[in-house]
Structure formats: C-alpha cells, structure tokens
Amino acid sequence: MKQKAQVTKKVNAYLAVDAEIKRLEKERNELRDALLGTGMEYFEGKEGALKVTETVRWNLKTKEVKEEMGEDWWAKRCATALVTSLRIAKKGI
C-alpha cells in the first residue's frame, strides 16, 4: 500500500509540473507577442538580451511523398524508433 501512495504522489507531482509548464509557456508566448509587437529587433534586460531572428522551416509533406514515390520507396528511406511517453488521460482510462 505504501508503494501505491508513493506512485500517487509522483503522479500528482507530474501533473502539477505539467500544468505549471503549460502556464509558463502561455506566459512566455504572451511576452513574446508583446515584444514582437513593438517592432524592435533587439531587447536588453538585466539577465540577458533577446534578438529577433527569422528562419525558413522546411516541412516534408509525407503523405504526398508516399503517394508519389510509393510505400516501398518511402519505407526504404525511413528509420523507425520506439518512443515511450506519458500521456495525460482522464482518470479511470
């Protein structure tokens, strides 16, 4: 029974950290939008500085490539990896 209590405590801590990360990410995004809205390209603070940069991000349209080149062509050029994640679910699922 003690182990179950320890696991429950860790689950609750994990969920609390996840909620805090989401809150912080939202706050960071709001600050980012406010800073970018100034039109400035460089910002200095007490702890450091921020510089606006732009990059081009390329995204492969995998569905279209598979359709155009075929499943065999695609499979020969792809690597797979097993990924283990914790997904937050409704209680009892």
C-alpha atoms as a PDB file:
ATOM      1  CA  MET A   1       0.000   0.000   0.000  1.00  0.00           C
ATOM      2  CA  LYS A   2       2.911   2.319   0.721  1.00  0.00           C
ATOM      3  CA  GLN A   3       4.177   1.895  -2.855  1.00  0.00           C
ATOM      4  CA  LYS A   4       0.756   2.907  -4.245  1.00  0.00           C
ATOM      5  CA  ALA A   5       0.821   6.071  -2.133  1.00  0.00           C
ATOM      6  CA  GLN A   6       4.311   6.873  -3.420  1.00  0.00           C
ATOM      7  CA  VAL A   7       3.214   6.347  -7.027  1.00  0.00           C
ATOM      8  CA  THR A   8       0.116   8.501  -6.476  1.00  0.00           C
ATOM      9  CA  LYS A   9       2.314  11.237  -5.020  1.00  0.00           C
ATOM     10  CA  LYS A  10       4.595  11.099  -8.079  1.00  0.00           C
ATOM     11  CA  VAL A  11       1.621  11.156 -10.469  1.00  0.00           C
ATOM     12  CA  ASN A  12       0.216  14.215  -8.685  1.00  0.00           C
ATOM     13  CA  ALA A  13       3.628  15.932  -8.809  1.00  0.00           C
ATOM     14  CA  TYR A  14       3.974  15.116 -12.528  1.00  0.00           C
ATOM     15  CA  LEU A  15       0.529  16.556 -13.266  1.00  0.00           C
ATOM     16  CA  ALA A  16       1.329  19.686 -11.245  1.00  0.00           C
ATOM     17  CA  VAL A  17       4.604  20.200 -13.117  1.00  0.00           C
ATOM     18  CA  ASP A  18       2.818  19.686 -16.441  1.00  0.00           C
ATOM     19  CA  ALA A  19       0.210  22.307 -15.517  1.00  0.00           C
ATOM     20  CA  GLU A  20       2.941  24.745 -14.447  1.00  0.00           C
ATOM     21  CA  ILE A  21       4.836  24.220 -17.720  1.00  0.00           C
ATOM     22  CA  LYS A  22       1.660  24.955 -19.700  1.00  0.00           C
ATOM     23  CA  ARG A  23       1.081  28.114 -17.662  1.00  0.00           C
ATOM     24  CA  LEU A  24       4.684  29.249 -18.170  1.00  0.00           C
ATOM     25  CA  GLU A  25       4.565  28.506 -21.903  1.00  0.00           C
ATOM     26  CA  LYS A  26       1.385  30.577 -22.213  1.00  0.00           C
ATOM     27  CA  GLU A  27       3.013  33.436 -20.300  1.00  0.00           C
ATOM     28  CA  ARG A  28       6.162  33.208 -22.443  1.00  0.00           C
ATOM     29  CA  ASN A  29       4.102  33.289 -25.646  1.00  0.00           C
ATOM     30  CA  GLU A  30       2.200  36.361 -24.427  1.00  0.00           C
ATOM     31  CA  LEU A  31       5.504  38.101 -23.596  1.00  0.00           C
ATOM     32  CA  ARG A  32       6.938  37.077 -26.972  1.00  0.00           C
ATOM     33  CA  ASP A  33       3.934  38.523 -28.801  1.00  0.00           C
ATOM     34  CA  ALA A  34       4.152  41.759 -26.796  1.00  0.00           C
ATOM     35  CA  LEU A  35       7.870  42.141 -27.519  1.00  0.00           C
ATOM     36  CA  LEU A  36       7.495  41.362 -31.220  1.00  0.00           C
ATOM     37  CA  GLY A  37       4.594  43.835 -31.345  1.00  0.00           C
ATOM     38  CA  THR A  38       6.976  46.681 -30.521  1.00  0.00           C
ATOM     39  CA  GLY A  39       8.662  46.373 -33.908  1.00  0.00           C
ATOM     40  CA  MET A  40      12.073  46.399 -32.248  1.00  0.00           C
ATOM     41  CA  GLU A  41      14.702  43.808 -33.182  1.00  0.00           C
ATOM     42  CA  TYR A  42      16.868  43.767 -30.041  1.00  0.00           C
ATOM     43  CA  PHE A  43      15.939  43.858 -26.365  1.00  0.00           C
ATOM     44  CA  GLU A  44      18.146  44.061 -23.294  1.00  0.00           C
ATOM     45  CA  GLY A  45      17.214  43.026 -19.798  1.00  0.00           C
ATOM     46  CA  LYS A  46      19.050  42.666 -16.514  1.00  0.00           C
ATOM     47  CA  GLU A  47      19.774  38.954 -17.049  1.00  0.00           C
ATOM     48  CA  GLY A  48      20.477  38.981 -20.778  1.00  0.00           C
ATOM     49  CA  ALA A  49      19.268  40.070 -24.181  1.00  0.00           C
ATOM     50  CA  LEU A  50      16.871  38.927 -26.893  1.00  0.00           C
ATOM     51  CA  LYS A  51      17.318  39.311 -30.635  1.00  0.00           C
ATOM     52  CA  VAL A  52      14.599  38.824 -33.237  1.00  0.00           C
ATOM     53  CA  THR A  53      15.633  36.336 -35.907  1.00  0.00           C
ATOM     54  CA  GLU A  54      13.806  34.744 -38.805  1.00  0.00           C
ATOM     55  CA  THR A  55      14.467  31.381 -40.390  1.00  0.00           C
ATOM     56  CA  VAL A  56      12.793  29.309 -43.061  1.00  0.00           C
ATOM     57  CA  ARG A  57      11.429  25.997 -41.824  1.00  0.00           C
ATOM     58  CA  TRP A  58      11.055  23.181 -44.314  1.00  0.00           C
ATOM     59  CA  ASN A  59       8.343  20.608 -43.712  1.00  0.00           C
ATOM     60  CA  LEU A  60       8.168  17.429 -45.738  1.00  0.00           C
ATOM     61  CA  LYS A  61       4.656  16.602 -46.902  1.00  0.00           C
ATOM     62  CA  THR A  62       4.973  12.925 -46.057  1.00  0.00           C
ATOM     63  CA  LYS A  63       1.541  11.900 -47.305  1.00  0.00           C
ATOM     64  CA  GLU A  64       2.220  13.369 -50.739  1.00  0.00           C
ATOM     65  CA  VAL A  65       5.727  11.856 -50.921  1.00  0.00           C
ATOM     66  CA  LYS A  66       4.392   8.401 -50.024  1.00  0.00           C
ATOM     67  CA  GLU A  67       1.698   8.703 -52.693  1.00  0.00           C
ATOM     68  CA  GLU A  68       4.095   9.992 -55.354  1.00  0.00           C
ATOM     69  CA  MET A  69       7.078   7.718 -54.669  1.00  0.00           C
ATOM     70  CA  GLY A  70       5.278   4.669 -53.312  1.00  0.00           C
ATOM     71  CA  GLU A  71       5.239   2.933 -49.951  1.00  0.00           C
ATOM     72  CA  ASP A  72       8.267   0.717 -50.704  1.00  0.00           C
ATOM     73  CA  TRP A  73      10.425   3.724 -51.695  1.00  0.00           C
ATOM     74  CA  TRP A  74       9.334   5.521 -48.534  1.00  0.00           C
ATOM     75  CA  ALA A  75       9.928   2.559 -46.215  1.00  0.00           C
ATOM     76  CA  LYS A  76      13.482   2.018 -47.547  1.00  0.00           C
ATOM     77  CA  ARG A  77      14.410   5.602 -46.646  1.00  0.00           C
ATOM     78  CA  CYS A  78      12.822   5.860 -43.220  1.00  0.00           C
ATOM     79  CA  ALA A  79      14.247   4.944 -39.844  1.00  0.00           C
ATOM     80  CA  THR A  80      11.983   3.978 -37.005  1.00  0.00           C
ATOM     81  CA  ALA A  81      12.424   4.323 -33.273  1.00  0.00           C
ATOM     82  CA  LEU A  82      10.372   3.232 -30.325  1.00  0.00           C
ATOM     83  CA  VAL A  83       9.310   6.218 -28.214  1.00  0.00           C
ATOM     84  CA  THR A  84       7.959   5.844 -24.688  1.00  0.00           C
ATOM     85  CA  SER A  85       5.775   8.698 -23.450  1.00  0.00           C
ATOM     86  CA  LEU A  86       3.498   9.547 -20.584  1.00  0.00           C
ATOM     87  CA  ARG A  87       0.216  10.892 -21.901  1.00  0.00           C
ATOM     88  CA  ILE A  88      -2.156  12.592 -19.530  1.00  0.00           C
ATOM     89  CA  ALA A  89      -5.515  10.834 -19.637  1.00  0.00           C
ATOM     90  CA  LYS A  90      -8.828  11.138 -17.902  1.00  0.00           C
ATOM     91  CA  LYS A  91      -8.886   9.223 -14.656  1.00  0.00           C
ATOM     92  CA  GLY A  92     -10.074   5.633 -14.980  1.00  0.00           C
ATOM     93  CA  ILE A  93      -8.966   5.107 -18.576  1.00  0.00           C
END
